[in-house]
Amino acid sequence: MEIAIGVVAGLVLGVLGLVVGRSRGAAAARREGREEGYAEAKAETEARIRAAAEAVSRGRIPTDAPQGSPESELGRALEAGWAPREVERERALEEALARLTGFLDRAVRAPLSDTTDQTSAEELRDRIARALGSLEDLEFFLVEPALDGRSRDLQSLVQQVTHEFAQDQGVMVRARLDDRPVRAVVNDQAFLDALYLVLHNAGRFGHASTVDVTVLAEGPRAVVRVRDRGPGFSEEAFRRAFDPFYSTSDEGLGLGLPHARKTIERMGGRIELRNAPDGGAEVEVSFPSA
């Protein structure tokens, strides 16, 4: 009896071992299959991401992705909110050439060509002087701003440039100065040039209304704020105000704010744009206090 029980137990254990072994083998096979599947899916996903990234880096929107895939969703998003690089470059170049051509026509070619036999020598000299002055204005934007500076009270420089601007442009400037020195390390001429460009922008888009200038020490920074009384910055102007040759005025070259920004940043400062809560655009120029 004991032998029979032992034989039966042995058979049962043998069957159980076979079943367990098969089960473990099947589980291992399934696990291995899953791992292979994951590896294949990962490789395919990485290849699709690389293909999409390569397309975008070349200025193309991915268009051959399966419908409903993440790549097709990316393509739709790019199409709605992003222009391919080649298109952006072409548009920027066309815009720059159009503005430059218009400026040369108005400021250089027209004064020199609109003459007759009755034009006096004095008037001709005046026309030539205006044309040369316009070319000098254009050359100004090509000159790299100076970097050497020293600690200066910005209030005296602001008073100097606002007085000059008001006389040149016939625009009233109202200045509010701090009751203590507001010092920063700047190059005098570069600072004056940059702030004049900001004032000129405020006078033009503020429709020659009074421009408010505030100078103050604010925490660790020396701050100059210029505010106009115009309609303020549009959404596009916020995005493109510092793009060379971008301007909402047909008369402008679109180089004033970009040059001012380059000058200010080369001196270690920063320039920020905002719309004032009660109307008008505000440009803030600031430097670390010295």
Protein backbone atom coordinates (compact mmCIF):
# COMPACT_ATOMS: atom_id res chain seq x y z
CA MET A 1 0.00 0.00 0.00
CA GLU A 2 2.77 2.35 0.91
CA ILE A 3 4.52 1.49 -2.38
CA ALA A 4 1.32 2.28 -4.34
CA ILE A 5 0.91 5.57 -2.54
CA GLY A 6 4.53 6.41 -3.26
CA VAL A 7 4.12 5.58 -6.94
CA VAL A 8 0.97 7.68 -7.18
CA ALA A 9 2.64 10.57 -5.38
CA GLY A 10 5.58 10.32 -7.70
CA LEU A 11 3.35 10.39 -10.75
CA VAL A 12 1.42 13.37 -9.41
CA LEU A 13 4.59 15.27 -8.63
CA GLY A 14 5.95 14.42 -12.05
CA VAL A 15 2.86 15.70 -13.77
CA LEU A 16 2.88 18.84 -11.62
CA GLY A 17 6.53 19.40 -12.43
CA LEU A 18 5.81 19.02 -16.13
CA VAL A 19 2.89 21.44 -15.93
CA VAL A 20 4.86 23.93 -13.83
CA GLY A 21 7.84 23.61 -16.15
CA ARG A 22 5.69 24.17 -19.21
CA SER A 23 3.98 27.10 -17.48
CA ARG A 24 7.32 28.64 -16.57
CA GLY A 25 8.59 28.09 -20.10
CA ALA A 26 5.51 29.70 -21.56
CA ALA A 27 5.82 32.67 -19.17
CA ALA A 28 9.47 33.08 -20.10
CA ALA A 29 8.56 32.92 -23.77
CA ARG A 30 5.82 35.50 -23.31
CA ARG A 31 8.19 37.73 -21.34
CA GLU A 32 10.84 37.41 -24.01
CA GLY A 33 8.27 38.15 -26.69
CA ARG A 34 7.11 41.23 -24.83
CA GLU A 35 10.67 42.46 -24.43
CA GLU A 36 11.32 41.96 -28.14
CA GLY A 37 8.08 43.76 -28.94
CA TYR A 38 8.99 46.65 -26.64
CA ALA A 39 12.44 46.88 -28.22
CA GLU A 40 10.95 46.91 -31.73
CA ALA A 41 8.33 49.49 -30.76
CA LYS A 42 10.98 51.66 -29.10
CA ALA A 43 13.24 51.47 -32.15
CA GLU A 44 10.33 52.34 -34.46
CA THR A 45 9.26 55.26 -32.23
CA GLU A 46 12.80 56.63 -32.08
CA ALA A 47 13.12 56.35 -35.87
CA ARG A 48 9.83 58.24 -36.36
CA ILE A 49 10.91 60.96 -33.90
CA ARG A 50 14.27 61.34 -35.66
CA ALA A 51 12.54 61.58 -39.05
CA ALA A 52 10.14 64.27 -37.75
CA ALA A 53 13.00 66.19 -36.10
CA GLU A 54 15.05 66.06 -39.30
CA ALA A 55 12.12 67.39 -41.32
CA VAL A 56 11.58 70.29 -38.90
CA SER A 57 15.32 71.11 -38.80
CA ARG A 58 15.24 71.46 -42.59
CA GLY A 59 12.28 73.82 -42.40
CA ARG A 60 9.69 71.25 -43.54
CA ILE A 61 6.50 70.17 -41.82
CA PRO A 62 6.13 66.34 -41.50
CA THR A 63 3.36 65.36 -43.93
CA ASP A 64 3.75 61.61 -44.49
CA ALA A 65 2.87 60.52 -40.94
CA PRO A 66 -0.05 58.09 -40.37
CA GLN A 67 -3.37 59.79 -39.71
CA GLY A 68 -3.94 60.28 -35.99
CA SER A 69 -0.31 59.61 -35.09
CA PRO A 70 1.64 62.01 -32.83
CA GLU A 71 3.65 63.12 -35.89
CA SER A 72 0.50 64.10 -37.78
CA GLU A 73 -0.71 66.05 -34.72
CA LEU A 74 2.71 67.77 -34.59
CA GLY A 75 2.41 68.59 -38.29
CA ARG A 76 -1.00 70.18 -37.81
CA ALA A 77 0.27 72.24 -34.85
CA LEU A 78 3.30 73.44 -36.81
CA GLU A 79 1.15 74.31 -39.81
CA ALA A 80 -1.15 76.40 -37.64
CA GLY A 81 1.48 78.28 -35.63
CA TRP A 82 4.85 78.07 -37.35
CA ALA A 83 6.18 79.03 -40.76
CA PRO A 84 8.95 76.88 -42.30
CA ARG A 85 12.40 78.42 -42.03
CA GLU A 86 12.83 79.00 -45.77
CA VAL A 87 9.51 80.87 -45.93
CA GLU A 88 10.42 83.00 -42.90
CA ARG A 89 13.79 83.88 -44.39
CA GLU A 90 12.28 84.78 -47.75
CA ARG A 91 9.65 86.99 -46.14
CA ALA A 92 12.22 88.69 -43.88
CA LEU A 93 14.52 89.33 -46.85
CA GLU A 94 11.69 90.71 -48.99
CA GLU A 95 10.58 92.97 -46.14
CA ALA A 96 14.13 94.22 -45.52
CA LEU A 97 14.76 94.94 -49.21
CA ALA A 98 11.42 96.73 -49.57
CA ARG A 99 12.09 98.97 -46.57
CA LEU A 100 15.65 99.71 -47.63
CA THR A 101 14.57 100.48 -51.20
CA GLY A 102 11.77 102.74 -49.96
CA PHE A 103 14.16 104.60 -47.66
CA LEU A 104 16.71 105.15 -50.42
CA ASP A 105 13.97 106.33 -52.80
CA ARG A 106 12.54 108.84 -50.32
CA ALA A 107 15.67 110.04 -48.59
CA VAL A 108 18.40 109.81 -51.25
CA ARG A 109 17.12 109.38 -54.79
CA ALA A 110 14.17 111.81 -54.60
CA PRO A 111 16.15 114.83 -53.30
CA LEU A 112 18.81 114.33 -55.97
CA SER A 113 16.57 113.59 -58.94
CA ASP A 114 13.83 116.16 -58.36
CA THR A 115 15.86 119.05 -59.80
CA THR A 116 15.47 121.26 -62.86
CA ASP A 117 17.56 123.79 -64.72
CA GLN A 118 16.03 126.41 -62.46
CA THR A 119 17.26 124.72 -59.28
CA SER A 120 19.67 127.11 -57.60
CA ALA A 121 23.13 126.08 -56.51
CA GLU A 122 22.17 126.69 -52.88
CA GLU A 123 19.11 124.43 -53.11
CA LEU A 124 21.15 121.76 -54.89
CA ARG A 125 23.75 121.85 -52.12
CA ASP A 126 20.94 121.51 -49.56
CA ARG A 127 19.51 118.49 -51.40
CA ILE A 128 22.92 116.84 -51.58
CA ALA A 129 23.46 117.49 -47.87
CA ARG A 130 20.09 115.87 -47.04
CA ALA A 131 20.88 112.82 -49.17
CA LEU A 132 24.30 112.43 -47.58
CA GLY A 133 22.76 112.85 -44.13
CA SER A 134 20.31 110.04 -44.87
CA LEU A 135 23.18 107.76 -45.90
CA GLU A 136 24.99 108.67 -42.68
CA ASP A 137 21.85 107.75 -40.73
CA LEU A 138 21.86 104.36 -42.42
CA GLU A 139 25.58 103.90 -41.72
CA PHE A 140 24.94 104.65 -38.03
CA PHE A 141 23.10 101.34 -37.66
CA LEU A 142 26.06 99.41 -39.04
CA VAL A 143 28.54 100.71 -36.46
CA GLU A 144 29.18 98.46 -33.46
CA PRO A 145 28.31 100.30 -30.24
CA ALA A 146 31.15 101.10 -27.84
CA LEU A 147 31.70 98.85 -24.83
CA ASP A 148 33.98 100.89 -22.57
CA GLY A 149 32.07 102.61 -19.79
CA ARG A 150 32.30 104.18 -16.38
CA SER A 151 29.96 104.74 -13.45
CA ARG A 152 27.60 107.59 -14.32
CA ASP A 153 24.51 109.17 -12.82
CA LEU A 154 21.94 108.30 -15.51
CA GLN A 155 19.79 111.30 -14.57
CA SER A 156 22.22 113.81 -16.06
CA LEU A 157 22.49 111.78 -19.27
CA VAL A 158 18.69 111.45 -19.49
CA GLN A 159 18.27 115.21 -19.06
CA GLN A 160 20.79 115.79 -21.84
CA VAL A 161 19.20 113.42 -24.37
CA THR A 162 15.59 114.41 -23.63
CA HIS A 163 16.47 118.09 -24.14
CA GLU A 164 18.16 117.26 -27.47
CA PHE A 165 15.25 115.07 -28.59
CA ALA A 166 12.62 117.68 -27.70
CA GLN A 167 14.48 120.35 -29.69
CA ASP A 168 15.07 118.09 -32.71
CA GLN A 169 11.61 116.54 -32.96
CA GLY A 170 9.37 119.18 -31.44
CA VAL A 171 7.92 116.65 -28.98
CA MET A 172 7.39 117.59 -25.35
CA VAL A 173 9.13 115.36 -22.80
CA ARG A 174 8.09 115.23 -19.16
CA ALA A 175 10.86 113.82 -16.94
CA ARG A 176 10.46 112.48 -13.41
CA LEU A 177 13.80 112.00 -11.66
CA ASP A 178 14.71 110.19 -8.46
CA ASP A 179 15.72 112.30 -5.48
CA ARG A 180 19.01 110.40 -5.24
CA PRO A 181 21.71 109.49 -7.78
CA VAL A 182 20.83 106.62 -10.13
CA ARG A 183 24.20 105.20 -11.13
CA ALA A 184 25.22 102.56 -13.66
CA VAL A 185 28.30 101.68 -15.70
CA VAL A 186 27.62 102.88 -19.27
CA ASN A 187 29.38 104.39 -22.24
CA ASP A 188 28.04 107.95 -22.40
CA GLN A 189 27.60 108.24 -26.17
CA ALA A 190 26.24 104.72 -26.61
CA PHE A 191 23.68 105.29 -23.86
CA LEU A 192 22.63 108.64 -25.36
CA ASP A 193 22.25 107.10 -28.82
CA ALA A 194 20.20 104.14 -27.56
CA LEU A 195 17.85 106.28 -25.46
CA TYR A 196 17.39 108.76 -28.33
CA LEU A 197 16.20 105.85 -30.52
CA VAL A 198 13.73 104.79 -27.83
CA LEU A 199 12.45 108.37 -27.51
CA HIS A 200 12.15 108.67 -31.28
CA ASN A 201 10.05 105.49 -31.37
CA ALA A 202 7.83 106.86 -28.57
CA GLY A 203 7.38 110.19 -30.34
CA ARG A 204 6.46 108.56 -33.65
CA PHE A 205 3.98 106.00 -32.32
CA GLY A 206 2.66 108.34 -29.65
CA HIS A 207 1.58 110.70 -32.46
CA ALA A 208 3.94 113.42 -31.20
CA SER A 209 2.10 113.64 -27.86
CA THR A 210 4.00 114.21 -24.62
CA VAL A 211 6.49 111.47 -23.78
CA ASP A 212 7.00 110.60 -20.09
CA VAL A 213 10.46 109.57 -18.89
CA THR A 214 11.08 108.22 -15.39
CA VAL A 215 14.51 107.59 -13.87
CA LEU A 216 14.79 105.75 -10.57
CA ALA A 217 16.83 103.34 -8.50
CA GLU A 218 14.71 100.21 -8.13
CA GLY A 219 16.28 97.56 -5.93
CA PRO A 220 19.63 96.55 -7.39
CA ARG A 221 18.97 98.19 -10.77
CA ALA A 222 19.10 101.65 -12.33
CA VAL A 223 15.91 102.04 -14.36
CA VAL A 224 14.80 104.39 -17.15
CA ARG A 225 11.18 104.11 -18.36
CA VAL A 226 9.92 105.81 -21.52
CA ARG A 227 6.16 105.92 -22.04
CA ASP A 228 4.19 107.29 -24.97
CA ARG A 229 0.51 108.17 -25.37
CA GLY A 230 -0.19 106.05 -28.43
CA PRO A 231 -2.28 102.88 -28.86
CA GLY A 232 0.39 100.61 -27.37
CA PHE A 233 2.05 97.52 -28.81
CA SER A 234 0.00 95.10 -30.86
CA GLU A 235 0.53 91.35 -30.42
CA GLU A 236 2.62 91.27 -33.59
CA ALA A 237 4.70 94.25 -32.45
CA PHE A 238 5.44 92.50 -29.14
CA ARG A 239 6.77 89.51 -31.09
CA ARG A 240 8.68 91.42 -33.74
CA ALA A 241 9.63 94.80 -32.27
CA PHE A 242 13.31 93.82 -32.12
CA ASP A 243 13.38 92.23 -35.59
CA PRO A 244 15.55 94.33 -37.97
CA PHE A 245 13.49 96.08 -40.67
CA TYR A 246 10.17 95.39 -38.91
CA SER A 247 8.04 98.50 -38.51
CA THR A 248 4.34 99.31 -38.48
CA SER A 249 5.16 102.66 -40.09
CA ASP A 250 5.75 102.97 -43.83
CA GLU A 251 8.25 105.75 -43.13
CA GLY A 252 10.40 103.78 -40.71
CA LEU A 253 13.40 101.57 -41.45
CA GLY A 254 12.66 99.30 -38.51
CA LEU A 255 16.22 99.50 -37.15
CA GLY A 256 15.76 101.81 -34.14
CA LEU A 257 14.69 99.39 -31.39
CA PRO A 258 16.91 96.53 -32.64
CA HIS A 259 19.94 98.84 -32.55
CA ALA A 260 18.96 100.22 -29.13
CA ARG A 261 18.64 96.69 -27.78
CA LYS A 262 22.02 95.64 -29.15
CA THR A 263 23.67 98.72 -27.66
CA ILE A 264 22.05 98.36 -24.24
CA GLU A 265 22.77 94.63 -23.97
CA ARG A 266 26.42 95.10 -25.00
CA MET A 267 26.74 97.46 -22.01
CA GLY A 268 25.29 94.81 -19.69
CA GLY A 269 21.76 96.23 -19.54
CA ARG A 270 18.40 94.99 -20.71
CA ILE A 271 15.39 96.46 -22.50
CA GLU A 272 11.79 95.37 -21.98
CA LEU A 273 8.51 96.30 -23.65
CA ARG A 274 5.03 96.46 -22.16
CA ASN A 275 1.69 98.23 -22.50
CA ALA A 276 0.81 100.60 -19.66
CA PRO A 277 -2.40 99.67 -17.77
CA ASP A 278 -4.06 102.99 -18.59
CA GLY A 279 -2.87 103.14 -22.20
CA GLY A 280 0.26 103.75 -24.21
CA ALA A 281 3.43 101.75 -24.74
CA GLU A 282 6.27 101.64 -22.23
CA VAL A 283 9.91 100.78 -22.85
CA GLU A 284 12.06 100.02 -19.81
CA VAL A 285 15.85 100.24 -19.96
CA SER A 286 17.78 99.04 -16.92
CA PHE A 287 21.33 98.33 -15.75
CA PRO A 288 22.86 96.89 -12.61
CA SER A 289 23.32 99.75 -10.14
CA ALA A 290 26.88 100.98 -9.72
